[in-house]
Amino acid sequence: MPEVGLKRDVSAVLDVDITDPTTIELQIAIAPHPGTSFTESLTIELDGKPVEFTEVSGSHGNRIHVFEGAVGNLQVNYSATVLGNTGPAPYDLHDRSVYLRPSRYAEADKFYGFAATEFGAYADSEVLLEKIAAWVGSRLQYVPGSSDPIDGAVDTLLAGRGVCRDYAHLVVAMLRAVTVPARLVAVYAPGCDPMDFHAVAEAYVGGQWRVVDATLLAPRSTLVRIATGRDAADTAFLTNHKGAITLNSSVVTAVVDGELPIDDIGELVSIT
């Protein structure tokens, strides 16, 4: 686990062209981390002029910034510094109900028989997380740009490649298929290579939400939670309704003070 006083600096810069007036939603601000101290800054400008936005509070502390965008060039700048570690994420019976169900990108119902054959011997065991992470990691190739935004876990398994959200969707689907509550978390990930918004799975095992990251791209103990949900449909960093936009670029940074910790895939780790 990360040591007390761990400092993490994260940021995101988005360059977006709005070509037809639209409603935009951003999920790039970190979720509340009780017990930590943090500072943050968010500026949104359209053609160099400040844009008024509304912050909407979602499930699990998700923070959605919503605004109406006219035609023009949109510049979004977010930065935050987090000092310390938060406590375990809460869990209730509603979470169990929601995160055992199949969802748009994590079609657990299509894996019931397959998952029981592959992982049934490890059901209700903490070893299950290591086994599923290793299985997914060994069957997929991490290839940027190889997947479509509408691909689900089945598409990913058949293609044999994808990016972090694809790995996470397949992990989540497998876990739910063996009756382990699982969900997707969008995070800032110090040490991630290539650096970008990162997606991992969380599984409820041993009385706590635990991180499962089959990509092995970043130390799990340094992750900073942005948004949590059933799958990428709930956690997208940029969404628009009506109109049209083009994402020209996104630049994400996430660093820690000092050395990055070593991540042992067999260790149970929670987002703190």
C-alpha atoms as a PDB file:
ATOM      1  CA  MET A   1       0.000   0.000   0.000  1.00  0.00           C
ATOM      2  CA  PRO A   2       1.198   3.584  -0.572  1.00  0.00           C
ATOM      3  CA  GLU A   3       2.858   5.241   2.380  1.00  0.00           C
ATOM      4  CA  VAL A   4       1.142   7.980   4.359  1.00  0.00           C
ATOM      5  CA  GLY A   5       1.803  11.358   2.804  1.00  0.00           C
ATOM      6  CA  LEU A   6       2.057  10.148  -0.788  1.00  0.00           C
ATOM      7  CA  LYS A   7       1.852  13.173  -3.079  1.00  0.00           C
ATOM      8  CA  ARG A   8       0.346  12.877  -6.554  1.00  0.00           C
ATOM      9  CA  ASP A   9       0.140  15.621  -9.170  1.00  0.00           C
ATOM     10  CA  VAL A  10      -2.258  15.101 -12.080  1.00  0.00           C
ATOM     11  CA  SER A  11      -3.466  17.178 -15.008  1.00  0.00           C
ATOM     12  CA  ALA A  12      -5.429  17.033 -18.250  1.00  0.00           C
ATOM     13  CA  VAL A  13      -5.480  19.426 -21.202  1.00  0.00           C
ATOM     14  CA  LEU A  14      -8.121  18.995 -23.916  1.00  0.00           C
ATOM     15  CA  ASP A  15      -8.280  20.736 -27.293  1.00  0.00           C
ATOM     16  CA  VAL A  16     -11.729  20.331 -28.870  1.00  0.00           C
ATOM     17  CA  ASP A  17     -13.346  21.878 -31.935  1.00  0.00           C
ATOM     18  CA  ILE A  18     -17.108  22.368 -31.651  1.00  0.00           C
ATOM     19  CA  THR A  19     -18.491  22.294 -35.184  1.00  0.00           C
ATOM     20  CA  ASP A  20     -22.185  22.307 -34.274  1.00  0.00           C
ATOM     21  CA  PRO A  21     -23.621  23.693 -30.984  1.00  0.00           C
ATOM     22  CA  THR A  22     -23.738  20.966 -28.356  1.00  0.00           C
ATOM     23  CA  THR A  23     -24.037  20.079 -24.688  1.00  0.00           C
ATOM     24  CA  ILE A  24     -20.728  18.839 -23.307  1.00  0.00           C
ATOM     25  CA  GLU A  25     -20.022  16.745 -20.218  1.00  0.00           C
ATOM     26  CA  LEU A  26     -16.533  16.332 -18.759  1.00  0.00           C
ATOM     27  CA  GLN A  27     -15.384  13.765 -16.215  1.00  0.00           C
ATOM     28  CA  ILE A  28     -11.764  14.714 -15.651  1.00  0.00           C
ATOM     29  CA  ALA A  29     -11.873  16.087 -12.087  1.00  0.00           C
ATOM     30  CA  ILE A  30     -10.824  13.705  -9.356  1.00  0.00           C
ATOM     31  CA  ALA A  31     -13.479  12.167  -7.132  1.00  0.00           C
ATOM     32  CA  PRO A  32     -13.528  13.142  -3.433  1.00  0.00           C
ATOM     33  CA  HIS A  33     -10.723  11.444  -1.475  1.00  0.00           C
ATOM     34  CA  PRO A  34     -11.784  11.757   2.205  1.00  0.00           C
ATOM     35  CA  GLY A  35      -8.837  11.977   4.563  1.00  0.00           C
ATOM     36  CA  THR A  36      -6.547  13.560   1.985  1.00  0.00           C
ATOM     37  CA  SER A  37      -5.771  17.180   1.305  1.00  0.00           C
ATOM     38  CA  PHE A  38      -5.956  18.342  -2.275  1.00  0.00           C
ATOM     39  CA  THR A  39      -5.993  21.450  -4.407  1.00  0.00           C
ATOM     40  CA  GLU A  40      -7.323  21.706  -7.930  1.00  0.00           C
ATOM     41  CA  SER A  41      -7.995  24.084 -10.782  1.00  0.00           C
ATOM     42  CA  LEU A  42     -10.353  23.820 -13.752  1.00  0.00           C
ATOM     43  CA  THR A  43     -10.598  26.357 -16.574  1.00  0.00           C
ATOM     44  CA  ILE A  44     -12.763  26.040 -19.678  1.00  0.00           C
ATOM     45  CA  GLU A  45     -12.460  28.550 -22.506  1.00  0.00           C
ATOM     46  CA  LEU A  46     -14.205  28.853 -25.869  1.00  0.00           C
ATOM     47  CA  ASP A  47     -12.257  30.939 -28.379  1.00  0.00           C
ATOM     48  CA  GLY A  48     -10.297  32.389 -25.473  1.00  0.00           C
ATOM     49  CA  LYS A  49     -13.325  33.387 -23.386  1.00  0.00           C
ATOM     50  CA  PRO A  50     -14.309  31.692 -20.080  1.00  0.00           C
ATOM     51  CA  VAL A  51     -17.228  29.254 -20.243  1.00  0.00           C
ATOM     52  CA  GLU A  52     -19.728  28.953 -17.402  1.00  0.00           C
ATOM     53  CA  PHE A  53     -20.289  25.367 -16.303  1.00  0.00           C
ATOM     54  CA  THR A  54     -22.282  23.416 -13.735  1.00  0.00           C
ATOM     55  CA  GLU A  55     -20.863  20.633 -11.579  1.00  0.00           C
ATOM     56  CA  VAL A  56     -23.195  17.647 -11.232  1.00  0.00           C
ATOM     57  CA  SER A  57     -22.553  15.096  -8.480  1.00  0.00           C
ATOM     58  CA  GLY A  58     -22.959  11.512  -9.638  1.00  0.00           C
ATOM     59  CA  SER A  59     -22.690   8.102  -8.020  1.00  0.00           C
ATOM     60  CA  HIS A  60     -19.504   7.255  -6.092  1.00  0.00           C
ATOM     61  CA  GLY A  61     -18.432  10.887  -6.058  1.00  0.00           C
ATOM     62  CA  ASN A  62     -18.270  11.198  -9.845  1.00  0.00           C
ATOM     63  CA  ARG A  63     -18.063  14.868 -10.773  1.00  0.00           C
ATOM     64  CA  ILE A  64     -19.573  15.831 -14.121  1.00  0.00           C
ATOM     65  CA  HIS A  65     -18.954  19.325 -15.468  1.00  0.00           C
ATOM     66  CA  VAL A  66     -21.716  20.313 -17.904  1.00  0.00           C
ATOM     67  CA  PHE A  67     -22.015  23.318 -20.199  1.00  0.00           C
ATOM     68  CA  GLU A  68     -23.476  24.463 -23.490  1.00  0.00           C
ATOM     69  CA  GLY A  69     -20.876  24.897 -26.222  1.00  0.00           C
ATOM     70  CA  ALA A  70     -21.241  27.168 -29.228  1.00  0.00           C
ATOM     71  CA  VAL A  71     -19.227  26.681 -32.416  1.00  0.00           C
ATOM     72  CA  GLY A  72     -15.547  27.399 -31.812  1.00  0.00           C
ATOM     73  CA  ASN A  73     -12.353  26.036 -30.297  1.00  0.00           C
ATOM     74  CA  LEU A  74     -12.609  24.711 -26.753  1.00  0.00           C
ATOM     75  CA  GLN A  75      -9.634  24.583 -24.390  1.00  0.00           C
ATOM     76  CA  VAL A  76      -9.963  22.653 -21.111  1.00  0.00           C
ATOM     77  CA  ASN A  77      -7.237  22.730 -18.448  1.00  0.00           C
ATOM     78  CA  TYR A  78      -7.456  20.730 -15.210  1.00  0.00           C
ATOM     79  CA  SER A  79      -4.829  20.112 -12.550  1.00  0.00           C
ATOM     80  CA  ALA A  80      -4.862  18.703  -9.039  1.00  0.00           C
ATOM     81  CA  THR A  81      -2.456  17.808  -6.274  1.00  0.00           C
ATOM     82  CA  VAL A  82      -3.432  15.080  -3.806  1.00  0.00           C
ATOM     83  CA  LEU A  83      -1.534  14.610  -0.546  1.00  0.00           C
ATOM     84  CA  GLY A  84      -2.150  11.537   1.583  1.00  0.00           C
ATOM     85  CA  ASN A  85      -4.301   8.456   1.224  1.00  0.00           C
ATOM     86  CA  THR A  86      -8.041   8.012   1.481  1.00  0.00           C
ATOM     87  CA  GLY A  87      -9.912   5.181   3.169  1.00  0.00           C
ATOM     88  CA  PRO A  88     -11.550   2.173   1.480  1.00  0.00           C
ATOM     89  CA  ALA A  89     -14.359   2.917  -0.990  1.00  0.00           C
ATOM     90  CA  PRO A  90     -17.795   2.220   0.558  1.00  0.00           C
ATOM     91  CA  TYR A  91     -19.910  -0.765  -0.441  1.00  0.00           C
ATOM     92  CA  ASP A  92     -23.610  -1.490   0.003  1.00  0.00           C
ATOM     93  CA  LEU A  93     -26.249  -3.943  -1.199  1.00  0.00           C
ATOM     94  CA  HIS A  94     -27.175  -1.680  -4.100  1.00  0.00           C
ATOM     95  CA  ASP A  95     -23.578  -1.939  -5.339  1.00  0.00           C
ATOM     96  CA  ARG A  96     -23.842  -5.731  -5.209  1.00  0.00           C
ATOM     97  CA  SER A  97     -27.023  -5.648  -7.258  1.00  0.00           C
ATOM     98  CA  VAL A  98     -25.727  -3.219  -9.891  1.00  0.00           C
ATOM     99  CA  TYR A  99     -22.234  -4.647 -10.284  1.00  0.00           C
ATOM    100  CA  LEU A 100     -23.284  -8.248 -10.720  1.00  0.00           C
ATOM    101  CA  ARG A 101     -25.481  -7.393 -13.713  1.00  0.00           C
ATOM    102  CA  PRO A 102     -24.316  -7.484 -17.336  1.00  0.00           C
ATOM    103  CA  SER A 103     -23.832  -4.019 -18.820  1.00  0.00           C
ATOM    104  CA  ARG A 104     -23.348  -2.414 -22.235  1.00  0.00           C
ATOM    105  CA  TYR A 105     -19.610  -3.091 -22.540  1.00  0.00           C
ATOM    106  CA  ALA A 106     -19.205  -5.872 -19.953  1.00  0.00           C
ATOM    107  CA  GLU A 107     -21.605  -8.557 -21.169  1.00  0.00           C
ATOM    108  CA  ALA A 108     -21.156 -10.975 -18.275  1.00  0.00           C
ATOM    109  CA  ASP A 109     -24.156 -13.073 -19.305  1.00  0.00           C
ATOM    110  CA  LYS A 110     -22.287 -14.170 -22.441  1.00  0.00           C
ATOM    111  CA  PHE A 111     -19.453 -15.602 -20.331  1.00  0.00           C
ATOM    112  CA  TYR A 112     -21.258 -17.576 -17.620  1.00  0.00           C
ATOM    113  CA  GLY A 113     -20.379 -21.067 -18.812  1.00  0.00           C
ATOM    114  CA  PHE A 114     -16.933 -20.123 -20.073  1.00  0.00           C
ATOM    115  CA  ALA A 115     -15.947 -18.295 -16.874  1.00  0.00           C
ATOM    116  CA  ALA A 116     -17.194 -21.142 -14.683  1.00  0.00           C
ATOM    117  CA  THR A 117     -14.962 -23.567 -16.595  1.00  0.00           C
ATOM    118  CA  GLU A 118     -11.896 -21.301 -16.520  1.00  0.00           C
ATOM    119  CA  PHE A 119     -12.190 -19.832 -13.033  1.00  0.00           C
ATOM    120  CA  GLY A 120     -14.809 -21.830 -11.133  1.00  0.00           C
ATOM    121  CA  ALA A 121     -12.148 -23.479  -8.964  1.00  0.00           C
ATOM    122  CA  TYR A 122     -11.118 -20.048  -7.644  1.00  0.00           C
ATOM    123  CA  ALA A 123     -14.598 -18.676  -6.958  1.00  0.00           C
ATOM    124  CA  ASP A 124     -14.920 -16.789  -3.655  1.00  0.00           C
ATOM    125  CA  SER A 125     -11.130 -16.756  -3.403  1.00  0.00           C
ATOM    126  CA  GLU A 126      -8.785 -13.764  -3.404  1.00  0.00           C
ATOM    127  CA  VAL A 127      -6.589 -15.762  -5.789  1.00  0.00           C
ATOM    128  CA  LEU A 128      -9.332 -15.272  -8.392  1.00  0.00           C
ATOM    129  CA  LEU A 129      -8.249 -11.685  -9.034  1.00  0.00           C
ATOM    130  CA  GLU A 130      -4.681 -12.683  -9.853  1.00  0.00           C
ATOM    131  CA  LYS A 131      -5.860 -15.555 -12.066  1.00  0.00           C
ATOM    132  CA  ILE A 132      -8.266 -13.430 -14.111  1.00  0.00           C
ATOM    133  CA  ALA A 133      -5.770 -10.564 -14.469  1.00  0.00           C
ATOM    134  CA  ALA A 134      -3.078 -12.954 -15.676  1.00  0.00           C
ATOM    135  CA  TRP A 135      -5.494 -14.743 -18.029  1.00  0.00           C
ATOM    136  CA  VAL A 136      -6.706 -11.531 -19.653  1.00  0.00           C
ATOM    137  CA  GLY A 137      -3.193 -10.116 -19.832  1.00  0.00           C
ATOM    138  CA  SER A 138      -1.884 -13.220 -21.583  1.00  0.00           C
ATOM    139  CA  ARG A 139      -4.641 -13.279 -24.223  1.00  0.00           C
ATOM    140  CA  LEU A 140      -4.704  -9.629 -25.233  1.00  0.00           C
ATOM    141  CA  GLN A 141      -2.148  -7.394 -26.893  1.00  0.00           C
ATOM    142  CA  TYR A 142      -2.082  -3.752 -25.896  1.00  0.00           C
ATOM    143  CA  VAL A 143      -2.386  -1.940 -29.236  1.00  0.00           C
ATOM    144  CA  PRO A 144      -3.353   1.771 -29.182  1.00  0.00           C
ATOM    145  CA  GLY A 145      -6.062   2.549 -31.732  1.00  0.00           C
ATOM    146  CA  SER A 146      -6.907  -1.112 -32.307  1.00  0.00           C
ATOM    147  CA  SER A 147     -10.418  -1.060 -30.843  1.00  0.00           C
ATOM    148  CA  ASP A 148     -13.630   0.775 -31.608  1.00  0.00           C
ATOM    149  CA  PRO A 149     -15.326   2.914 -28.929  1.00  0.00           C
ATOM    150  CA  ILE A 150     -18.402   0.674 -29.125  1.00  0.00           C
ATOM    151  CA  ASP A 151     -16.491  -2.607 -28.641  1.00  0.00           C
ATOM    152  CA  GLY A 152     -17.508  -4.695 -25.639  1.00  0.00           C
ATOM    153  CA  ALA A 153     -15.796  -7.520 -23.780  1.00  0.00           C
ATOM    154  CA  VAL A 154     -16.831 -10.129 -26.359  1.00  0.00           C
ATOM    155  CA  ASP A 155     -15.413  -8.062 -29.227  1.00  0.00           C
ATOM    156  CA  THR A 156     -12.180  -7.604 -27.284  1.00  0.00           C
ATOM    157  CA  LEU A 157     -11.725 -11.299 -26.579  1.00  0.00           C
ATOM    158  CA  LEU A 158     -12.368 -12.209 -30.214  1.00  0.00           C
ATOM    159  CA  ALA A 159      -9.995  -9.510 -31.490  1.00  0.00           C
ATOM    160  CA  GLY A 160      -7.260 -10.432 -29.034  1.00  0.00           C
ATOM    161  CA  ARG A 161      -6.146  -6.839 -28.618  1.00  0.00           C
ATOM    162  CA  GLY A 162      -7.262  -3.491 -27.271  1.00  0.00           C
ATOM    163  CA  VAL A 163      -6.457  -0.662 -24.885  1.00  0.00           C
ATOM    164  CA  CYS A 164      -6.925  -0.258 -21.131  1.00  0.00           C
ATOM    165  CA  ARG A 165     -10.716   0.118 -21.220  1.00  0.00           C
ATOM    166  CA  ASP A 166     -10.970  -3.092 -23.287  1.00  0.00           C
ATOM    167  CA  TYR A 167      -8.838  -5.010 -20.791  1.00  0.00           C
ATOM    168  CA  ALA A 168     -10.933  -3.635 -17.944  1.00  0.00           C
ATOM    169  CA  HIS A 169     -14.228  -4.542 -19.616  1.00  0.00           C
ATOM    170  CA  LEU A 170     -13.106  -8.130 -20.134  1.00  0.00           C
ATOM    171  CA  VAL A 171     -11.911  -8.410 -16.531  1.00  0.00           C
ATOM    172  CA  VAL A 172     -15.198  -6.957 -15.245  1.00  0.00           C
ATOM    173  CA  ALA A 173     -17.274  -9.317 -17.394  1.00  0.00           C
ATOM    174  CA  MET A 174     -15.325 -12.377 -16.206  1.00  0.00           C
ATOM    175  CA  LEU A 175     -15.613 -11.372 -12.554  1.00  0.00           C
ATOM    176  CA  ARG A 176     -19.350 -10.775 -12.756  1.00  0.00           C
ATOM    177  CA  ALA A 177     -19.756 -14.084 -14.576  1.00  0.00           C
ATOM    178  CA  VAL A 178     -18.435 -15.884 -11.483  1.00  0.00           C
ATOM    179  CA  THR A 179     -20.638 -13.743  -9.178  1.00  0.00           C
ATOM    180  CA  VAL A 180     -18.005 -11.283  -7.973  1.00  0.00           C
ATOM    181  CA  PRO A 181     -19.259  -7.667  -8.011  1.00  0.00           C
ATOM    182  CA  ALA A 182     -17.043  -5.717 -10.410  1.00  0.00           C
ATOM    183  CA  ARG A 183     -16.972  -2.255 -11.929  1.00  0.00           C
ATOM    184  CA  LEU A 184     -14.820   0.027 -14.056  1.00  0.00           C
ATOM    185  CA  VAL A 185     -12.848   2.962 -12.669  1.00  0.00           C
ATOM    186  CA  ALA A 186     -11.326   5.807 -14.692  1.00  0.00           C
ATOM    187  CA  VAL A 187      -8.127   6.973 -13.008  1.00  0.00           C
ATOM    188  CA  TYR A 188      -5.062   9.124 -13.248  1.00  0.00           C
ATOM    189  CA  ALA A 189      -2.196   6.647 -13.200  1.00  0.00           C
ATOM    190  CA  PRO A 190       1.316   7.829 -12.290  1.00  0.00           C
ATOM    191  CA  GLY A 191       3.856   5.747 -14.185  1.00  0.00           C
ATOM    192  CA  CYS A 192       1.398   4.750 -16.911  1.00  0.00           C
ATOM    193  CA  ASP A 193       3.154   4.172 -20.227  1.00  0.00           C
ATOM    194  CA  PRO A 194       1.812   5.343 -22.615  1.00  0.00           C
ATOM    195  CA  MET A 195       0.492   8.148 -20.398  1.00  0.00           C
ATOM    196  CA  ASP A 196      -3.228   8.784 -20.813  1.00  0.00           C
ATOM    197  CA  PHE A 197      -6.467   8.534 -18.908  1.00  0.00           C
ATOM    198  CA  HIS A 198      -6.369   4.974 -17.577  1.00  0.00           C
ATOM    199  CA  ALA A 199      -9.127   2.443 -16.879  1.00  0.00           C
ATOM    200  CA  VAL A 200      -8.968  -0.409 -14.364  1.00  0.00           C
ATOM    201  CA  ALA A 201     -11.405  -2.869 -12.852  1.00  0.00           C
ATOM    202  CA  GLU A 202     -12.461  -2.978  -9.209  1.00  0.00           C
ATOM    203  CA  ALA A 203     -13.696  -6.211  -7.627  1.00  0.00           C
ATOM    204  CA  TYR A 204     -15.363  -6.570  -4.247  1.00  0.00           C
ATOM    205  CA  VAL A 205     -13.380  -9.325  -2.530  1.00  0.00           C
ATOM    206  CA  GLY A 206     -12.549  -9.928   1.115  1.00  0.00           C
ATOM    207  CA  GLY A 207     -14.770  -7.097   2.318  1.00  0.00           C
ATOM    208  CA  GLN A 208     -13.151  -4.378   0.211  1.00  0.00           C
ATOM    209  CA  TRP A 209     -12.968  -3.010  -3.334  1.00  0.00           C
ATOM    210  CA  ARG A 210      -9.698  -4.221  -4.905  1.00  0.00           C
ATOM    211  CA  VAL A 211      -7.992  -3.043  -8.099  1.00  0.00           C
ATOM    212  CA  VAL A 212      -7.520  -5.471 -10.981  1.00  0.00           C
ATOM    213  CA  ASP A 213      -5.384  -4.166 -13.858  1.00  0.00           C
ATOM    214  CA  ALA A 214      -4.497  -6.765 -16.480  1.00  0.00           C
ATOM    215  CA  THR A 215      -2.457  -4.220 -18.472  1.00  0.00           C
ATOM    216  CA  LEU A 216       0.213  -3.872 -15.753  1.00  0.00           C
ATOM    217  CA  LEU A 217       0.854  -0.378 -17.131  1.00  0.00           C
ATOM    218  CA  ALA A 218       1.016   1.471 -13.792  1.00  0.00           C
ATOM    219  CA  PRO A 219       1.454   0.739 -10.070  1.00  0.00           C
ATOM    220  CA  ARG A 220      -2.012   0.240  -8.640  1.00  0.00           C
ATOM    221  CA  SER A 221      -1.102   1.858  -5.302  1.00  0.00           C
ATOM    222  CA  THR A 222      -0.629   5.288  -6.928  1.00  0.00           C
ATOM    223  CA  LEU A 223      -3.954   5.516  -8.793  1.00  0.00           C
ATOM    224  CA  VAL A 224      -6.202   8.548  -8.328  1.00  0.00           C
ATOM    225  CA  ARG A 225      -9.930   7.920  -8.817  1.00  0.00           C
ATOM    226  CA  ILE A 226     -11.792  10.052 -11.350  1.00  0.00           C
ATOM    227  CA  ALA A 227     -15.062   8.229 -12.103  1.00  0.00           C
ATOM    228  CA  THR A 228     -16.618   4.877 -11.219  1.00  0.00           C
ATOM    229  CA  GLY A 229     -19.406   2.968 -12.938  1.00  0.00           C
ATOM    230  CA  ARG A 230     -20.719  -0.090 -14.703  1.00  0.00           C
ATOM    231  CA  ASP A 231     -18.400   0.363 -17.687  1.00  0.00           C
ATOM    232  CA  ALA A 232     -16.976   3.084 -19.946  1.00  0.00           C
ATOM    233  CA  ALA A 233     -20.464   4.416 -20.672  1.00  0.00           C
ATOM    234  CA  ASP A 234     -20.510   5.767 -17.093  1.00  0.00           C
ATOM    235  CA  THR A 235     -16.923   7.004 -16.917  1.00  0.00           C
ATOM    236  CA  ALA A 236     -16.092   8.668 -20.270  1.00  0.00           C
ATOM    237  CA  PHE A 237     -13.900  11.759 -19.874  1.00  0.00           C
ATOM    238  CA  LEU A 238     -15.678  13.619 -22.711  1.00  0.00           C
ATOM    239  CA  THR A 239     -19.290  13.217 -23.835  1.00  0.00           C
ATOM    240  CA  ASN A 240     -21.511  15.414 -25.974  1.00  0.00           C
ATOM    241  CA  HIS A 241     -25.252  15.445 -26.616  1.00  0.00           C
ATOM    242  CA  LYS A 242     -26.529  16.701 -30.003  1.00  0.00           C
ATOM    243  CA  GLY A 243     -24.349  18.825 -32.242  1.00  0.00           C
ATOM    244  CA  ALA A 244     -20.833  17.731 -33.179  1.00  0.00           C
ATOM    245  CA  ILE A 245     -17.311  17.933 -31.778  1.00  0.00           C
ATOM    246  CA  THR A 246     -13.814  16.843 -32.775  1.00  0.00           C
ATOM    247  CA  LEU A 247     -11.229  16.001 -30.129  1.00  0.00           C
ATOM    248  CA  ASN A 248      -7.983  17.399 -31.533  1.00  0.00           C
ATOM    249  CA  SER A 249      -5.764  16.331 -28.665  1.00  0.00           C
ATOM    250  CA  SER A 250      -5.659  15.316 -25.024  1.00  0.00           C
ATOM    251  CA  VAL A 251      -2.555  15.557 -22.866  1.00  0.00           C
ATOM    252  CA  VAL A 252      -2.629  13.769 -19.512  1.00  0.00           C
ATOM    253  CA  THR A 253       0.053  13.797 -16.829  1.00  0.00           C
ATOM    254  CA  ALA A 254       0.277  11.975 -13.507  1.00  0.00           C
ATOM    255  CA  VAL A 255       3.342  11.817 -11.283  1.00  0.00           C
ATOM    256  CA  VAL A 256       4.326  11.015  -7.703  1.00  0.00           C
ATOM    257  CA  ASP A 257       7.065  12.471  -5.567  1.00  0.00           C
ATOM    258  CA  GLY A 258       9.998  10.103  -5.357  1.00  0.00           C
ATOM    259  CA  GLU A 259      10.276   6.582  -6.704  1.00  0.00           C
ATOM    260  CA  LEU A 260       7.318   4.705  -8.158  1.00  0.00           C
ATOM    261  CA  PRO A 261       6.415   1.695  -6.010  1.00  0.00           C
ATOM    262  CA  ILE A 262       6.822  -1.840  -7.302  1.00  0.00           C
ATOM    263  CA  ASP A 263       3.494  -3.515  -8.051  1.00  0.00           C
ATOM    264  CA  ASP A 264       3.101  -7.179  -7.084  1.00  0.00           C
ATOM    265  CA  ILE A 265       0.214  -8.657  -9.090  1.00  0.00           C
ATOM    266  CA  GLY A 266      -0.453 -11.164  -6.294  1.00  0.00           C
ATOM    267  CA  GLU A 267      -1.010  -8.439  -3.698  1.00  0.00           C
ATOM    268  CA  LEU A 268      -4.468  -7.119  -2.900  1.00  0.00           C
ATOM    269  CA  VAL A 269      -4.483  -3.361  -3.576  1.00  0.00           C
ATOM    270  CA  SER A 270      -7.225  -0.765  -3.162  1.00  0.00           C
ATOM    271  CA  ILE A 271      -7.446   2.735  -4.608  1.00  0.00           C
ATOM    272  CA  THR A 272      -6.373   5.078  -1.834  1.00  0.00           C
END
